[in-house]
Amino acid sequence: MSTPPGAAEEPDPQHAHLGHITPRRPVRAVGSAAAQKSRIADEFFFMAHDDQTGKPRLFETALAFGLAAGLLAELYYERRITFESGQVRVISTFPPTDWLQHLVLDRIIAEPHHTDTRTWLAFLAVTSYEQVATRMWQVGLLRQEEVGRLWRQRTVYVPADMNTAAWSWARISQQVRYYRQLDHMDIALAGLTLNTHLDTALLDGAPLAARSHMRRLVEQSWPELQDLLADLDAALGRTVLSHRTA
């Protein structure tokens, strides 16, 4: 297994027995967003929504599967799981500090007979939007708004700060349009963008060479990440096909 740059340090083996402690549930922490570590799924959430209105830029299935892949990618970068030939393999049971990563890892550990990456993408996609949005709301990245008539109200999530919400989109778009390299997190975001077809909007007006540059960067990344992205592409394709033939 190759180790992605920027991955967390290997936990102390003497604490391995903590692998199944109960993760802390989200608690609202207003004003703490600036101090939070960037998370791949959070950044993808911002990219997949308008930075002012919070309106999705993707259809529901692509958004859900993209966020699910983002959560799995987070655990890969934290060196808790890896991907090979369409399978998820746990390499460390040490609990991540992030409550949502902890929940996902614990579920994977609890289902050792289910290792198919596409199965986990489909499973996580069911709750990925609400869970990622809750995590972002918890640290002040999103705010909740009630929309609709009184008897049909629903909660939507809107960026708390437009500049913060737009940063991932602007950063990757500019880097790719100027044919620059991407750091380890942006490589993952670029892969999620390509495989959910968000790149059409991200690179609107850019030459075809810019899109080729982004795809080349992703294709030259770590084999494990490419394996995850290939399964994301296949899972989304299968889901779209099933809807068309239903």
C-alpha atoms as a PDB file:
ATOM      1  CA  MET A   1       0.000   0.000   0.000  1.00  0.00           C
ATOM      2  CA  SER A   2       1.302   3.435  -0.876  1.00  0.00           C
ATOM      3  CA  THR A   3       0.834   6.172   1.704  1.00  0.00           C
ATOM      4  CA  PRO A   4      -0.821   9.416   0.564  1.00  0.00           C
ATOM      5  CA  PRO A   5       1.159  12.591   1.338  1.00  0.00           C
ATOM      6  CA  GLY A   6      -0.276  14.484   4.278  1.00  0.00           C
ATOM      7  CA  ALA A   7      -1.714  11.380   5.892  1.00  0.00           C
ATOM      8  CA  ALA A   8      -2.077  11.280   9.654  1.00  0.00           C
ATOM      9  CA  GLU A   9       0.686   9.714  11.676  1.00  0.00           C
ATOM     10  CA  GLU A  10       0.274   6.061  12.623  1.00  0.00           C
ATOM     11  CA  PRO A  11      -1.402   5.864  16.067  1.00  0.00           C
ATOM     12  CA  ASP A  12       0.442   4.461  19.052  1.00  0.00           C
ATOM     13  CA  PRO A  13      -0.110   0.662  19.029  1.00  0.00           C
ATOM     14  CA  GLN A  14      -0.609   0.648  22.806  1.00  0.00           C
ATOM     15  CA  HIS A  15      -3.905   2.477  22.284  1.00  0.00           C
ATOM     16  CA  ALA A  16      -5.265   0.031  19.716  1.00  0.00           C
ATOM     17  CA  HIS A  17      -7.840  -1.236  22.215  1.00  0.00           C
ATOM     18  CA  LEU A  18      -9.722   2.058  21.829  1.00  0.00           C
ATOM     19  CA  GLY A  19     -10.881   1.098  18.344  1.00  0.00           C
ATOM     20  CA  HIS A  20     -14.537   0.684  19.304  1.00  0.00           C
ATOM     21  CA  ILE A  21     -15.194   3.509  21.748  1.00  0.00           C
ATOM     22  CA  THR A  22     -18.430   5.357  21.112  1.00  0.00           C
ATOM     23  CA  PRO A  23     -17.893   8.473  18.964  1.00  0.00           C
ATOM     24  CA  ARG A  24     -19.111  11.802  20.287  1.00  0.00           C
ATOM     25  CA  ARG A  25     -22.326  13.041  18.776  1.00  0.00           C
ATOM     26  CA  PRO A  26     -22.362  16.441  17.057  1.00  0.00           C
ATOM     27  CA  VAL A  27     -22.773  19.519  19.205  1.00  0.00           C
ATOM     28  CA  ARG A  28     -23.257  22.972  17.736  1.00  0.00           C
ATOM     29  CA  ALA A  29     -20.085  25.061  18.128  1.00  0.00           C
ATOM     30  CA  VAL A  30     -20.807  28.519  16.738  1.00  0.00           C
ATOM     31  CA  GLY A  31     -17.848  30.489  15.465  1.00  0.00           C
ATOM     32  CA  SER A  32     -15.356  27.617  15.475  1.00  0.00           C
ATOM     33  CA  ALA A  33     -15.218  27.022  11.711  1.00  0.00           C
ATOM     34  CA  ALA A  34     -11.921  28.803  11.174  1.00  0.00           C
ATOM     35  CA  ALA A  35     -10.113  26.490  13.585  1.00  0.00           C
ATOM     36  CA  GLN A  36     -11.377  23.292  11.969  1.00  0.00           C
ATOM     37  CA  LYS A  37      -9.300  20.952   9.857  1.00  0.00           C
ATOM     38  CA  SER A  38     -10.449  20.775   6.242  1.00  0.00           C
ATOM     39  CA  ARG A  39     -12.298  17.567   5.383  1.00  0.00           C
ATOM     40  CA  ILE A  40     -12.605  16.164   1.871  1.00  0.00           C
ATOM     41  CA  ALA A  41     -16.349  15.509   2.071  1.00  0.00           C
ATOM     42  CA  ASP A  42     -16.957  18.995   3.519  1.00  0.00           C
ATOM     43  CA  GLU A  43     -15.002  20.639   0.721  1.00  0.00           C
ATOM     44  CA  PHE A  44     -16.845  18.579  -1.878  1.00  0.00           C
ATOM     45  CA  PHE A  45     -20.141  19.590  -0.256  1.00  0.00           C
ATOM     46  CA  PHE A  46     -19.209  23.235  -0.792  1.00  0.00           C
ATOM     47  CA  MET A  47     -18.126  22.600  -4.372  1.00  0.00           C
ATOM     48  CA  ALA A  48     -21.361  20.771  -5.144  1.00  0.00           C
ATOM     49  CA  HIS A  49     -23.527  23.682  -3.929  1.00  0.00           C
ATOM     50  CA  ASP A  50     -23.887  27.335  -4.876  1.00  0.00           C
ATOM     51  CA  ASP A  51     -21.729  29.378  -2.509  1.00  0.00           C
ATOM     52  CA  GLN A  52     -24.503  31.910  -1.850  1.00  0.00           C
ATOM     53  CA  THR A  53     -27.829  30.079  -1.992  1.00  0.00           C
ATOM     54  CA  GLY A  54     -26.703  26.551  -1.153  1.00  0.00           C
ATOM     55  CA  LYS A  55     -28.573  25.239  -4.205  1.00  0.00           C
ATOM     56  CA  PRO A  56     -27.109  21.913  -5.420  1.00  0.00           C
ATOM     57  CA  ARG A  57     -25.047  21.930  -8.608  1.00  0.00           C
ATOM     58  CA  LEU A  58     -25.478  18.152  -8.959  1.00  0.00           C
ATOM     59  CA  PHE A  59     -28.459  15.857  -9.156  1.00  0.00           C
ATOM     60  CA  GLU A  60     -29.289  14.080  -5.907  1.00  0.00           C
ATOM     61  CA  THR A  61     -27.690  10.705  -6.659  1.00  0.00           C
ATOM     62  CA  ALA A  62     -24.377  12.162  -7.858  1.00  0.00           C
ATOM     63  CA  LEU A  63     -24.227  14.395  -4.787  1.00  0.00           C
ATOM     64  CA  ALA A  64     -24.963  11.538  -2.378  1.00  0.00           C
ATOM     65  CA  PHE A  65     -22.445   9.151  -3.947  1.00  0.00           C
ATOM     66  CA  GLY A  66     -19.821  11.889  -4.232  1.00  0.00           C
ATOM     67  CA  LEU A  67     -20.141  12.652  -0.528  1.00  0.00           C
ATOM     68  CA  ALA A  68     -20.013   8.940   0.307  1.00  0.00           C
ATOM     69  CA  ALA A  69     -16.783   8.608  -1.683  1.00  0.00           C
ATOM     70  CA  GLY A  70     -15.478  11.700   0.085  1.00  0.00           C
ATOM     71  CA  LEU A  71     -16.035  10.067   3.478  1.00  0.00           C
ATOM     72  CA  LEU A  72     -14.213   6.922   2.378  1.00  0.00           C
ATOM     73  CA  ALA A  73     -11.391   9.049   0.962  1.00  0.00           C
ATOM     74  CA  GLU A  74     -11.065  10.789   4.332  1.00  0.00           C
ATOM     75  CA  LEU A  75     -10.483   7.442   6.035  1.00  0.00           C
ATOM     76  CA  TYR A  76      -7.902   6.551   3.388  1.00  0.00           C
ATOM     77  CA  TYR A  77      -6.016   9.796   4.008  1.00  0.00           C
ATOM     78  CA  GLU A  78      -6.222   9.101   7.743  1.00  0.00           C
ATOM     79  CA  ARG A  79      -4.659   5.690   7.041  1.00  0.00           C
ATOM     80  CA  ARG A  80      -7.568   3.718   8.454  1.00  0.00           C
ATOM     81  CA  ILE A  81      -8.681   1.952   5.250  1.00  0.00           C
ATOM     82  CA  THR A  82      -7.353   1.241   1.791  1.00  0.00           C
ATOM     83  CA  PHE A  83      -8.802   0.131  -1.556  1.00  0.00           C
ATOM     84  CA  GLU A  84      -7.724  -2.645  -3.860  1.00  0.00           C
ATOM     85  CA  SER A  85      -9.479  -4.330  -6.779  1.00  0.00           C
ATOM     86  CA  GLY A  86     -12.879  -3.001  -5.779  1.00  0.00           C
ATOM     87  CA  GLN A  87     -12.547  -3.962  -2.122  1.00  0.00           C
ATOM     88  CA  VAL A  88     -12.289  -1.926   1.082  1.00  0.00           C
ATOM     89  CA  ARG A  89      -9.741  -3.168   3.597  1.00  0.00           C
ATOM     90  CA  VAL A  90      -9.323  -1.865   7.156  1.00  0.00           C
ATOM     91  CA  ILE A  91      -5.670  -1.254   8.039  1.00  0.00           C
ATOM     92  CA  SER A  92      -6.142   0.440  11.424  1.00  0.00           C
ATOM     93  CA  THR A  93      -9.020   0.310  13.910  1.00  0.00           C
ATOM     94  CA  PHE A  94      -7.689   3.247  15.915  1.00  0.00           C
ATOM     95  CA  PRO A  95     -10.622   5.723  16.165  1.00  0.00           C
ATOM     96  CA  PRO A  96     -10.354   8.983  14.227  1.00  0.00           C
ATOM     97  CA  THR A  97     -10.945  12.157  16.230  1.00  0.00           C
ATOM     98  CA  ASP A  98     -13.719  13.237  13.877  1.00  0.00           C
ATOM     99  CA  TRP A  99     -17.066  11.787  14.984  1.00  0.00           C
ATOM    100  CA  LEU A 100     -18.350  11.106  11.460  1.00  0.00           C
ATOM    101  CA  GLN A 101     -15.166   9.380  10.338  1.00  0.00           C
ATOM    102  CA  HIS A 102     -15.409   7.328  13.529  1.00  0.00           C
ATOM    103  CA  LEU A 103     -18.991   6.291  12.757  1.00  0.00           C
ATOM    104  CA  VAL A 104     -18.122   5.236   9.216  1.00  0.00           C
ATOM    105  CA  LEU A 105     -15.019   3.302  10.296  1.00  0.00           C
ATOM    106  CA  ASP A 106     -16.879   1.522  13.091  1.00  0.00           C
ATOM    107  CA  ARG A 107     -19.582   0.427  10.649  1.00  0.00           C
ATOM    108  CA  ILE A 108     -17.010  -0.955   8.207  1.00  0.00           C
ATOM    109  CA  ILE A 109     -15.244  -2.797  11.038  1.00  0.00           C
ATOM    110  CA  ALA A 110     -18.572  -4.233  12.226  1.00  0.00           C
ATOM    111  CA  GLU A 111     -19.318  -5.697   8.763  1.00  0.00           C
ATOM    112  CA  PRO A 112     -16.126  -7.620   7.889  1.00  0.00           C
ATOM    113  CA  HIS A 113     -17.940  -9.799   5.348  1.00  0.00           C
ATOM    114  CA  HIS A 114     -18.976  -6.775   3.284  1.00  0.00           C
ATOM    115  CA  THR A 115     -15.869  -5.465   1.600  1.00  0.00           C
ATOM    116  CA  ASP A 116     -17.177  -4.443  -1.835  1.00  0.00           C
ATOM    117  CA  THR A 117     -16.436  -0.744  -2.334  1.00  0.00           C
ATOM    118  CA  ARG A 118     -19.551  -0.164  -4.437  1.00  0.00           C
ATOM    119  CA  THR A 119     -21.697  -1.685  -1.711  1.00  0.00           C
ATOM    120  CA  TRP A 120     -20.232   0.731   0.837  1.00  0.00           C
ATOM    121  CA  LEU A 121     -20.711   3.673  -1.510  1.00  0.00           C
ATOM    122  CA  ALA A 122     -24.378   2.772  -1.931  1.00  0.00           C
ATOM    123  CA  PHE A 123     -24.835   2.263   1.810  1.00  0.00           C
ATOM    124  CA  LEU A 124     -23.169   5.520   2.821  1.00  0.00           C
ATOM    125  CA  ALA A 125     -24.934   7.472   0.072  1.00  0.00           C
ATOM    126  CA  VAL A 126     -28.262   6.989   1.868  1.00  0.00           C
ATOM    127  CA  THR A 127     -27.206   9.229   4.772  1.00  0.00           C
ATOM    128  CA  SER A 128     -24.123  11.043   3.451  1.00  0.00           C
ATOM    129  CA  TYR A 129     -25.842  14.360   2.740  1.00  0.00           C
ATOM    130  CA  GLU A 130     -27.443  14.743   6.153  1.00  0.00           C
ATOM    131  CA  GLN A 131     -24.389  13.502   8.037  1.00  0.00           C
ATOM    132  CA  VAL A 132     -21.882  15.724   6.228  1.00  0.00           C
ATOM    133  CA  ALA A 133     -24.221  18.721   6.463  1.00  0.00           C
ATOM    134  CA  THR A 134     -24.647  18.082  10.199  1.00  0.00           C
ATOM    135  CA  ARG A 135     -20.881  17.952  10.698  1.00  0.00           C
ATOM    136  CA  MET A 136     -20.474  21.240   8.821  1.00  0.00           C
ATOM    137  CA  TRP A 137     -23.344  22.858  10.727  1.00  0.00           C
ATOM    138  CA  GLN A 138     -21.759  21.668  13.963  1.00  0.00           C
ATOM    139  CA  VAL A 139     -18.621  23.748  13.366  1.00  0.00           C
ATOM    140  CA  GLY A 140     -20.363  26.777  11.890  1.00  0.00           C
ATOM    141  CA  LEU A 141     -19.645  26.176   8.199  1.00  0.00           C
ATOM    142  CA  LEU A 142     -23.363  25.929   7.398  1.00  0.00           C
ATOM    143  CA  ARG A 143     -26.509  27.423   8.856  1.00  0.00           C
ATOM    144  CA  GLN A 144     -29.990  25.974   8.797  1.00  0.00           C
ATOM    145  CA  GLU A 145     -32.963  27.656   7.169  1.00  0.00           C
ATOM    146  CA  GLU A 146     -36.606  26.608   7.121  1.00  0.00           C
ATOM    147  CA  VAL A 147     -38.215  26.893   3.689  1.00  0.00           C
ATOM    148  CA  GLY A 148     -41.665  26.139   2.342  1.00  0.00           C
ATOM    149  CA  ARG A 149     -45.150  26.728   3.664  1.00  0.00           C
ATOM    150  CA  LEU A 150     -45.886  26.263   7.330  1.00  0.00           C
ATOM    151  CA  TRP A 151     -47.370  22.800   6.897  1.00  0.00           C
ATOM    152  CA  ARG A 152     -44.695  21.658   4.429  1.00  0.00           C
ATOM    153  CA  GLN A 153     -41.555  23.191   5.836  1.00  0.00           C
ATOM    154  CA  ARG A 154     -38.167  21.563   5.387  1.00  0.00           C
ATOM    155  CA  THR A 155     -34.680  22.382   6.589  1.00  0.00           C
ATOM    156  CA  VAL A 156     -32.026  23.418   4.074  1.00  0.00           C
ATOM    157  CA  TYR A 157     -28.367  24.147   4.667  1.00  0.00           C
ATOM    158  CA  VAL A 158     -26.869  27.421   3.475  1.00  0.00           C
ATOM    159  CA  PRO A 159     -23.202  28.465   3.616  1.00  0.00           C
ATOM    160  CA  ALA A 160     -22.471  30.571   6.679  1.00  0.00           C
ATOM    161  CA  ASP A 161     -19.764  32.487   4.819  1.00  0.00           C
ATOM    162  CA  MET A 162     -19.724  32.931   1.032  1.00  0.00           C
ATOM    163  CA  ASN A 163     -15.948  33.317   0.811  1.00  0.00           C
ATOM    164  CA  THR A 164     -15.312  30.112   2.728  1.00  0.00           C
ATOM    165  CA  ALA A 165     -17.865  28.241   0.611  1.00  0.00           C
ATOM    166  CA  ALA A 166     -16.376  29.501  -2.672  1.00  0.00           C
ATOM    167  CA  TRP A 167     -12.744  28.854  -1.802  1.00  0.00           C
ATOM    168  CA  SER A 168     -12.472  25.197  -2.871  1.00  0.00           C
ATOM    169  CA  TRP A 169     -14.229  25.880  -6.181  1.00  0.00           C
ATOM    170  CA  ALA A 170     -12.114  28.942  -6.971  1.00  0.00           C
ATOM    171  CA  ARG A 171      -8.849  27.333  -5.867  1.00  0.00           C
ATOM    172  CA  ILE A 172      -9.132  24.167  -7.948  1.00  0.00           C
ATOM    173  CA  SER A 173     -10.588  25.943 -10.955  1.00  0.00           C
ATOM    174  CA  GLN A 174      -7.708  28.408 -11.037  1.00  0.00           C
ATOM    175  CA  GLN A 175      -5.024  25.789 -10.457  1.00  0.00           C
ATOM    176  CA  VAL A 176      -6.344  23.594 -13.254  1.00  0.00           C
ATOM    177  CA  ARG A 177      -6.888  26.441 -15.711  1.00  0.00           C
ATOM    178  CA  TYR A 178      -3.250  27.491 -15.234  1.00  0.00           C
ATOM    179  CA  TYR A 179      -2.045  23.875 -15.534  1.00  0.00           C
ATOM    180  CA  ARG A 180      -0.579  23.781 -12.050  1.00  0.00           C
ATOM    181  CA  GLN A 181      -0.073  20.872  -9.678  1.00  0.00           C
ATOM    182  CA  LEU A 182      -2.632  20.054  -6.980  1.00  0.00           C
ATOM    183  CA  ASP A 183      -1.945  19.094  -3.382  1.00  0.00           C
ATOM    184  CA  HIS A 184      -3.058  15.764  -1.932  1.00  0.00           C
ATOM    185  CA  MET A 185      -6.516  16.944  -0.853  1.00  0.00           C
ATOM    186  CA  ASP A 186      -7.216  18.764  -4.107  1.00  0.00           C
ATOM    187  CA  ILE A 187      -6.256  15.643  -6.067  1.00  0.00           C
ATOM    188  CA  ALA A 188      -9.072  13.814  -4.268  1.00  0.00           C
ATOM    189  CA  LEU A 189     -11.480  16.712  -4.835  1.00  0.00           C
ATOM    190  CA  ALA A 190     -10.543  16.804  -8.515  1.00  0.00           C
ATOM    191  CA  GLY A 191     -11.258  13.076  -8.747  1.00  0.00           C
ATOM    192  CA  LEU A 192     -14.671  13.470  -7.096  1.00  0.00           C
ATOM    193  CA  THR A 193     -15.392  16.399  -9.400  1.00  0.00           C
ATOM    194  CA  LEU A 194     -14.534  14.418 -12.526  1.00  0.00           C
ATOM    195  CA  ASN A 195     -16.419  11.284 -11.559  1.00  0.00           C
ATOM    196  CA  THR A 196     -19.617  13.123 -10.600  1.00  0.00           C
ATOM    197  CA  HIS A 197     -19.344  15.278 -13.757  1.00  0.00           C
ATOM    198  CA  LEU A 198     -19.125  18.461 -11.732  1.00  0.00           C
ATOM    199  CA  ASP A 199     -16.107  19.384 -13.857  1.00  0.00           C
ATOM    200  CA  THR A 200     -18.420  20.568 -16.645  1.00  0.00           C
ATOM    201  CA  ALA A 201     -19.483  23.499 -14.470  1.00  0.00           C
ATOM    202  CA  LEU A 202     -16.125  23.940 -12.727  1.00  0.00           C
ATOM    203  CA  LEU A 203     -14.242  24.354 -15.999  1.00  0.00           C
ATOM    204  CA  ASP A 204     -16.950  26.103 -17.992  1.00  0.00           C
ATOM    205  CA  GLY A 205     -15.225  28.216 -20.649  1.00  0.00           C
ATOM    206  CA  ALA A 206     -11.813  26.612 -20.104  1.00  0.00           C
ATOM    207  CA  PRO A 207      -9.981  24.915 -22.993  1.00  0.00           C
ATOM    208  CA  LEU A 208     -10.220  21.145 -23.320  1.00  0.00           C
ATOM    209  CA  ALA A 209      -6.547  20.974 -22.384  1.00  0.00           C
ATOM    210  CA  ALA A 210      -7.403  22.168 -18.865  1.00  0.00           C
ATOM    211  CA  ARG A 211      -9.843  19.294 -18.375  1.00  0.00           C
ATOM    212  CA  SER A 212      -7.249  16.880 -19.736  1.00  0.00           C
ATOM    213  CA  HIS A 213      -4.709  18.304 -17.292  1.00  0.00           C
ATOM    214  CA  MET A 214      -7.017  17.670 -14.328  1.00  0.00           C
ATOM    215  CA  ARG A 215      -7.769  14.136 -15.473  1.00  0.00           C
ATOM    216  CA  ARG A 216      -4.063  13.439 -15.938  1.00  0.00           C
ATOM    217  CA  LEU A 217      -3.286  14.612 -12.390  1.00  0.00           C
ATOM    218  CA  VAL A 218      -5.928  12.269 -10.995  1.00  0.00           C
ATOM    219  CA  GLU A 219      -4.771   9.356 -13.144  1.00  0.00           C
ATOM    220  CA  GLN A 220      -1.218   9.845 -11.866  1.00  0.00           C
ATOM    221  CA  SER A 221      -2.278   9.795  -8.209  1.00  0.00           C
ATOM    222  CA  TRP A 222      -2.128   6.860  -5.782  1.00  0.00           C
ATOM    223  CA  PRO A 223      -3.508   3.540  -7.073  1.00  0.00           C
ATOM    224  CA  GLU A 224      -5.778   3.200  -4.032  1.00  0.00           C
ATOM    225  CA  LEU A 225      -7.466   6.539  -4.734  1.00  0.00           C
ATOM    226  CA  GLN A 226      -7.869   5.634  -8.391  1.00  0.00           C
ATOM    227  CA  ASP A 227      -9.478   2.365  -7.311  1.00  0.00           C
ATOM    228  CA  LEU A 228     -12.026   4.217  -5.176  1.00  0.00           C
ATOM    229  CA  LEU A 229     -12.788   6.699  -7.953  1.00  0.00           C
ATOM    230  CA  ALA A 230     -13.267   3.921 -10.498  1.00  0.00           C
ATOM    231  CA  ASP A 231     -15.847   2.320  -8.213  1.00  0.00           C
ATOM    232  CA  LEU A 232     -17.557   5.684  -7.721  1.00  0.00           C
ATOM    233  CA  ASP A 233     -17.830   6.064 -11.480  1.00  0.00           C
ATOM    234  CA  ALA A 234     -19.165   2.524 -11.889  1.00  0.00           C
ATOM    235  CA  ALA A 235     -21.632   2.852  -9.005  1.00  0.00           C
ATOM    236  CA  LEU A 236     -23.020   6.103 -10.363  1.00  0.00           C
ATOM    237  CA  GLY A 237     -23.265   4.689 -13.869  1.00  0.00           C
ATOM    238  CA  ARG A 238     -25.144   1.646 -12.614  1.00  0.00           C
ATOM    239  CA  THR A 239     -27.530   3.805 -10.580  1.00  0.00           C
ATOM    240  CA  VAL A 240     -28.295   6.109 -13.526  1.00  0.00           C
ATOM    241  CA  LEU A 241     -28.831   3.119 -15.817  1.00  0.00           C
ATOM    242  CA  SER A 242     -31.230   1.472 -13.354  1.00  0.00           C
ATOM    243  CA  HIS A 243     -33.326   4.644 -13.214  1.00  0.00           C
ATOM    244  CA  ARG A 244     -33.485   4.880 -17.001  1.00  0.00           C
ATOM    245  CA  THR A 245     -34.582   1.249 -17.417  1.00  0.00           C
ATOM    246  CA  ALA A 246     -37.003   1.184 -14.476  1.00  0.00           C
END
